[in-house]
Amino acid sequence: MCNDVSLTSILDCVTIDESEVIASINKLKSNLSAGPDGFPPVMYKRLKQSLCVPLTLLYNQFLFVGYVPSEWLTAHIVPVHKKV
């Protein structure tokens, strides 16, 4: 633990708005396979207008309480062999 580090600034008000959620969804590659949730990126892209409000509320609540589900902290990595 680092007790000698001084605190120079505090992030006390971080919020995410709906336009940021839509921009992030737009950056998803549509041709990728489904993630750990079982949903392909193309589904998020097609439903982005319906999903942006609940996702924005969810992300802001997680930021407010300072909690992220443990499932979101894990990754499923699958090596893919490429022919040379």
C-alpha atoms as a PDB file:
ATOM      1  CA  MET A   1       0.000   0.000   0.000  1.00  0.00           C
ATOM      2  CA  CYS A   2       1.230   3.494  -0.830  1.00  0.00           C
ATOM      3  CA  ASN A   3       0.641   5.775   2.126  1.00  0.00           C
ATOM      4  CA  ASP A   4       2.991   8.508   0.913  1.00  0.00           C
ATOM      5  CA  VAL A   5       1.014   9.331  -2.254  1.00  0.00           C
ATOM      6  CA  SER A   6      -0.770  12.659  -2.082  1.00  0.00           C
ATOM      7  CA  LEU A   7      -4.262  13.073  -3.464  1.00  0.00           C
ATOM      8  CA  THR A   8      -4.330  15.880  -6.009  1.00  0.00           C
ATOM      9  CA  SER A   9      -7.802  15.578  -7.473  1.00  0.00           C
ATOM     10  CA  ILE A  10     -11.046  13.736  -6.889  1.00  0.00           C
ATOM     11  CA  LEU A  11     -13.499  12.428  -9.471  1.00  0.00           C
ATOM     12  CA  ASP A  12     -16.683  13.042  -7.548  1.00  0.00           C
ATOM     13  CA  CYS A  13     -19.123  13.529 -10.410  1.00  0.00           C
ATOM     14  CA  VAL A  14     -18.645  11.224 -13.373  1.00  0.00           C
ATOM     15  CA  THR A  15     -21.721  10.617 -15.477  1.00  0.00           C
ATOM     16  CA  ILE A  16     -22.379   8.907 -18.767  1.00  0.00           C
ATOM     17  CA  ASP A  17     -25.027  10.221 -21.130  1.00  0.00           C
ATOM     18  CA  GLU A  18     -27.089   8.427 -23.761  1.00  0.00           C
ATOM     19  CA  SER A  19     -25.078   9.828 -26.667  1.00  0.00           C
ATOM     20  CA  GLU A  20     -21.902   8.275 -25.233  1.00  0.00           C
ATOM     21  CA  VAL A  21     -23.603   4.889 -24.947  1.00  0.00           C
ATOM     22  CA  ILE A  22     -24.810   5.092 -28.549  1.00  0.00           C
ATOM     23  CA  ALA A  23     -21.339   6.171 -29.718  1.00  0.00           C
ATOM     24  CA  SER A  24     -19.806   3.162 -27.954  1.00  0.00           C
ATOM     25  CA  ILE A  25     -22.356   0.794 -29.483  1.00  0.00           C
ATOM     26  CA  ASN A  26     -21.634   2.269 -32.915  1.00  0.00           C
ATOM     27  CA  LYS A  27     -17.944   1.383 -32.474  1.00  0.00           C
ATOM     28  CA  LEU A  28     -18.724  -2.328 -32.047  1.00  0.00           C
ATOM     29  CA  LYS A  29     -17.675  -4.544 -34.940  1.00  0.00           C
ATOM     30  CA  SER A  30     -20.808  -6.171 -36.337  1.00  0.00           C
ATOM     31  CA  ASN A  31     -19.042  -9.231 -37.729  1.00  0.00           C
ATOM     32  CA  LEU A  32     -17.768 -10.513 -34.378  1.00  0.00           C
ATOM     33  CA  SER A  33     -19.244 -13.471 -32.544  1.00  0.00           C
ATOM     34  CA  ALA A  34     -21.253 -13.245 -29.333  1.00  0.00           C
ATOM     35  CA  GLY A  35     -19.528 -12.278 -26.114  1.00  0.00           C
ATOM     36  CA  PRO A  36     -19.840 -13.885 -22.665  1.00  0.00           C
ATOM     37  CA  ASP A  37     -23.443 -12.649 -22.457  1.00  0.00           C
ATOM     38  CA  GLY A  38     -24.352 -14.713 -25.534  1.00  0.00           C
ATOM     39  CA  PHE A  39     -25.492 -11.711 -27.579  1.00  0.00           C
ATOM     40  CA  PRO A  40     -23.716 -10.754 -30.817  1.00  0.00           C
ATOM     41  CA  PRO A  41     -22.626  -7.123 -31.328  1.00  0.00           C
ATOM     42  CA  VAL A  42     -25.029  -6.774 -34.256  1.00  0.00           C
ATOM     43  CA  MET A  43     -27.936  -7.185 -31.816  1.00  0.00           C
ATOM     44  CA  TYR A  44     -26.733  -4.221 -29.752  1.00  0.00           C
ATOM     45  CA  LYS A  45     -26.336  -2.148 -32.920  1.00  0.00           C
ATOM     46  CA  ARG A  46     -29.863  -2.914 -34.131  1.00  0.00           C
ATOM     47  CA  LEU A  47     -31.430  -2.240 -30.715  1.00  0.00           C
ATOM     48  CA  LYS A  48     -29.250   0.701 -29.670  1.00  0.00           C
ATOM     49  CA  GLN A  49     -32.135   3.198 -29.528  1.00  0.00           C
ATOM     50  CA  SER A  50     -34.062   0.923 -27.161  1.00  0.00           C
ATOM     51  CA  LEU A  51     -31.019  -0.033 -25.092  1.00  0.00           C
ATOM     52  CA  CYS A  52     -29.343   3.351 -24.652  1.00  0.00           C
ATOM     53  CA  VAL A  53     -31.585   4.590 -21.800  1.00  0.00           C
ATOM     54  CA  PRO A  54     -31.458   1.456 -19.602  1.00  0.00           C
ATOM     55  CA  LEU A  55     -27.719   0.993 -20.239  1.00  0.00           C
ATOM     56  CA  THR A  56     -27.057   4.642 -19.358  1.00  0.00           C
ATOM     57  CA  LEU A  57     -28.997   4.258 -16.091  1.00  0.00           C
ATOM     58  CA  LEU A  58     -27.162   1.035 -15.292  1.00  0.00           C
ATOM     59  CA  TYR A  59     -23.680   2.456 -15.955  1.00  0.00           C
ATOM     60  CA  ASN A  60     -24.370   5.628 -13.977  1.00  0.00           C
ATOM     61  CA  GLN A  61     -25.681   3.597 -11.037  1.00  0.00           C
ATOM     62  CA  PHE A  62     -22.532   1.471 -11.051  1.00  0.00           C
ATOM     63  CA  LEU A  63     -20.405   4.633 -11.051  1.00  0.00           C
ATOM     64  CA  PHE A  64     -22.487   6.136  -8.229  1.00  0.00           C
ATOM     65  CA  VAL A  65     -22.143   3.132  -5.914  1.00  0.00           C
ATOM     66  CA  GLY A  66     -18.587   2.319  -7.001  1.00  0.00           C
ATOM     67  CA  TYR A  67     -19.380  -1.272  -7.922  1.00  0.00           C
ATOM     68  CA  VAL A  68     -18.870  -3.343 -11.049  1.00  0.00           C
ATOM     69  CA  PRO A  69     -20.215  -6.906 -11.250  1.00  0.00           C
ATOM     70  CA  SER A  70     -17.443  -9.485 -10.996  1.00  0.00           C
ATOM     71  CA  GLU A  71     -18.618 -11.050 -14.275  1.00  0.00           C
ATOM     72  CA  TRP A  72     -17.664  -7.809 -16.039  1.00  0.00           C
ATOM     73  CA  LEU A  73     -14.097  -8.091 -14.729  1.00  0.00           C
ATOM     74  CA  THR A  74     -13.414 -11.399 -16.463  1.00  0.00           C
ATOM     75  CA  ALA A  75     -12.606 -12.061 -20.098  1.00  0.00           C
ATOM     76  CA  HIS A  76     -13.012 -15.123 -22.276  1.00  0.00           C
ATOM     77  CA  ILE A  77     -10.005 -15.325 -24.560  1.00  0.00           C
ATOM     78  CA  VAL A  78     -10.008 -17.843 -27.395  1.00  0.00           C
ATOM     79  CA  PRO A  79      -6.784 -18.202 -29.381  1.00  0.00           C
ATOM     80  CA  VAL A  80      -7.324 -18.378 -33.123  1.00  0.00           C
ATOM     81  CA  HIS A  81      -4.643 -19.984 -35.259  1.00  0.00           C
ATOM     82  CA  LYS A  82      -3.830 -18.029 -38.380  1.00  0.00           C
ATOM     83  CA  LYS A  83      -2.312 -19.749 -41.365  1.00  0.00           C
ATOM     84  CA  VAL A  84       1.084 -18.428 -42.353  1.00  0.00           C
END
